[in-house]
Each structure stands twice: as structure tokens, then as C-alpha cells.
Amino acid sequence: MLRLGLSEVQAEALRGLVRDEHRRLEAARQALAECRRELDRALSRPLPDSATVLELTIEERVLEARERELASDLEGALVGLLRPEQARRLQGLAPAAFGDMLVRLSA
């Protein structure tokens, strides 16, 4: 929490939020990964069924949008718990650093 300068109270509030939201985000990621595996299987057939490929492609797009929405909602909720200067630092974090912070908070 060094990068954001969180107080212990803020850190605990963020941990609770991240634990709850992380489960939803992880479920969305798993659903997307499974959809991509199914799409890969469908495309690897000698004669792919176009209806199946179309259905899985649409599902993939919907799941990608859902994953982005959940991540954005989580970031918005986190920002809501921070002081303005902390929120600016959070929004300035590189995606990898943001992800690393989320992993540490969800542990």
C-alpha cells in the first residue's frame, strides 16, 4: 500500500472490497477462458460449424465486455474509498502495478 499511502483503516476497507469483487472478476475471467477454449475447439475441426463459431464469438465479446465492466466498477469503488491525491495515484498506476496491488489486497 506504499504507492498509495493508505492508512490501516483504508487498507482494511480496500481488502474487504477487493476480496468480494475479486471473486466476481475471477468468475468472469474463467468463463471467458472456457469460452475461448470452446471457440478454439470449434475452429480446429476440419469443417467448423459456422453457427457454433458465431455463437461462441458473440459470447466471447460479451464476456470480454463484462470483464472490462467489472474491472472498471472495481476501480471506481476503490477510488471512492480514497482521498483525491490517492485516487490520482491509483489511476496513474500501470495496469500491471494495479493488478499486483489487487492480488496483494485480495490475499
Protein backbone atom coordinates (compact mmCIF):
# COMPACT_ATOMS: atom_id res chain seq x y z
CA MET A 1 0.00 0.00 0.00
CA LEU A 2 3.12 2.12 -0.09
CA ARG A 3 2.39 3.54 -3.53
CA LEU A 4 -0.95 4.95 -2.45
CA GLY A 5 -0.04 5.87 1.13
CA LEU A 6 -3.06 4.08 2.60
CA SER A 7 -3.96 4.26 6.25
CA GLU A 8 -4.62 0.96 8.02
CA VAL A 9 -8.36 1.72 8.02
CA GLN A 10 -8.32 2.38 4.27
CA ALA A 11 -6.23 -0.74 3.62
CA GLU A 12 -8.69 -2.90 5.53
CA ALA A 13 -11.69 -1.38 3.72
CA LEU A 14 -9.98 -1.93 0.38
CA ARG A 15 -9.12 -5.53 1.27
CA GLY A 16 -12.76 -6.30 2.01
CA LEU A 17 -13.93 -4.70 -1.21
CA VAL A 18 -11.28 -6.41 -3.29
CA ARG A 19 -11.96 -9.84 -1.78
CA ASP A 20 -15.64 -9.56 -2.68
CA GLU A 21 -15.15 -8.13 -6.15
CA HIS A 22 -12.18 -10.36 -6.95
CA ARG A 23 -14.44 -13.42 -6.80
CA ARG A 24 -16.77 -11.92 -9.40
CA LEU A 25 -13.92 -10.81 -11.62
CA GLU A 26 -12.24 -14.21 -11.39
CA ALA A 27 -15.50 -15.97 -12.29
CA ALA A 28 -15.83 -13.71 -15.35
CA ARG A 29 -12.24 -14.46 -16.37
CA GLN A 30 -12.79 -18.19 -16.01
CA ALA A 31 -15.96 -18.03 -18.11
CA LEU A 32 -14.06 -16.09 -20.78
CA ALA A 33 -11.19 -18.59 -20.76
CA GLU A 34 -13.63 -21.50 -21.11
CA CYS A 35 -15.43 -19.77 -23.97
CA ARG A 36 -12.10 -19.23 -25.74
CA ARG A 37 -11.20 -22.91 -25.30
CA GLU A 38 -14.56 -23.90 -26.80
CA LEU A 39 -14.05 -21.48 -29.68
CA ASP A 40 -10.57 -22.88 -30.33
CA ARG A 41 -12.02 -26.42 -30.36
CA ALA A 42 -14.80 -25.37 -32.71
CA LEU A 43 -12.35 -23.69 -35.08
CA SER A 44 -9.93 -26.63 -35.05
CA ARG A 45 -12.49 -29.00 -36.57
CA PRO A 46 -11.97 -29.88 -40.23
CA LEU A 47 -15.32 -28.26 -41.10
CA PRO A 48 -16.16 -25.76 -38.35
CA ASP A 49 -19.86 -25.21 -37.78
CA SER A 50 -20.39 -21.55 -38.65
CA ALA A 51 -23.38 -21.16 -36.29
CA THR A 52 -21.36 -22.51 -33.36
CA VAL A 53 -18.38 -20.30 -34.21
CA LEU A 54 -20.63 -17.25 -34.50
CA GLU A 55 -22.36 -18.02 -31.21
CA LEU A 56 -19.06 -18.52 -29.38
CA THR A 57 -17.56 -15.39 -30.93
CA ILE A 58 -20.52 -13.31 -29.74
CA GLU A 59 -20.30 -14.92 -26.31
CA GLU A 60 -16.58 -14.11 -26.18
CA ARG A 61 -17.27 -10.45 -26.96
CA VAL A 62 -19.98 -10.27 -24.29
CA LEU A 63 -17.71 -11.89 -21.70
CA GLU A 64 -14.83 -9.56 -22.59
CA ALA A 65 -17.12 -6.57 -22.11
CA ARG A 66 -18.34 -7.99 -18.78
CA GLU A 67 -14.76 -8.46 -17.57
CA ARG A 68 -13.88 -4.87 -18.50
CA GLU A 69 -17.05 -3.62 -16.81
CA LEU A 70 -16.27 -5.49 -13.58
CA ALA A 71 -12.68 -4.22 -13.56
CA SER A 72 -13.88 -0.67 -14.16
CA ASP A 73 -16.52 -0.99 -11.42
CA LEU A 74 -13.86 -2.25 -9.02
CA GLU A 75 -11.53 0.62 -9.84
CA GLY A 76 -14.40 3.09 -9.36
CA ALA A 77 -15.27 1.57 -5.99
CA LEU A 78 -11.64 1.71 -4.93
CA VAL A 79 -11.37 5.34 -5.97
CA GLY A 80 -14.44 6.08 -3.87
CA LEU A 81 -12.60 4.92 -0.74
CA LEU A 82 -9.54 7.08 -1.34
CA ARG A 83 -8.60 10.68 -0.77
CA PRO A 84 -8.29 12.67 -4.04
CA GLU A 85 -4.47 12.51 -4.19
CA GLN A 86 -4.57 8.75 -3.56
CA ALA A 87 -7.20 8.31 -6.27
CA ARG A 88 -4.98 10.16 -8.75
CA ARG A 89 -2.08 7.85 -7.86
CA LEU A 90 -4.29 4.79 -8.26
CA GLN A 91 -5.48 5.93 -11.66
CA GLY A 92 -1.87 6.62 -12.65
CA LEU A 93 -0.70 3.08 -11.88
CA ALA A 94 0.30 0.94 -14.82
CA PRO A 95 -2.12 -1.97 -15.37
CA ALA A 96 0.47 -4.48 -14.13
CA ALA A 97 1.05 -2.48 -10.93
CA PHE A 98 -2.71 -2.13 -10.43
CA GLY A 99 -3.16 -5.88 -10.88
CA ASP A 100 -0.31 -6.57 -8.46
CA MET A 101 -1.93 -4.32 -5.88
CA LEU A 102 -5.25 -6.14 -6.28
CA VAL A 103 -3.57 -9.51 -5.77
CA ARG A 104 -1.91 -8.28 -2.58
CA LEU A 105 -5.17 -6.83 -1.29
CA SER A 106 -7.16 -9.98 -2.05
CA ALA A 107 -4.71 -12.26 -0.23
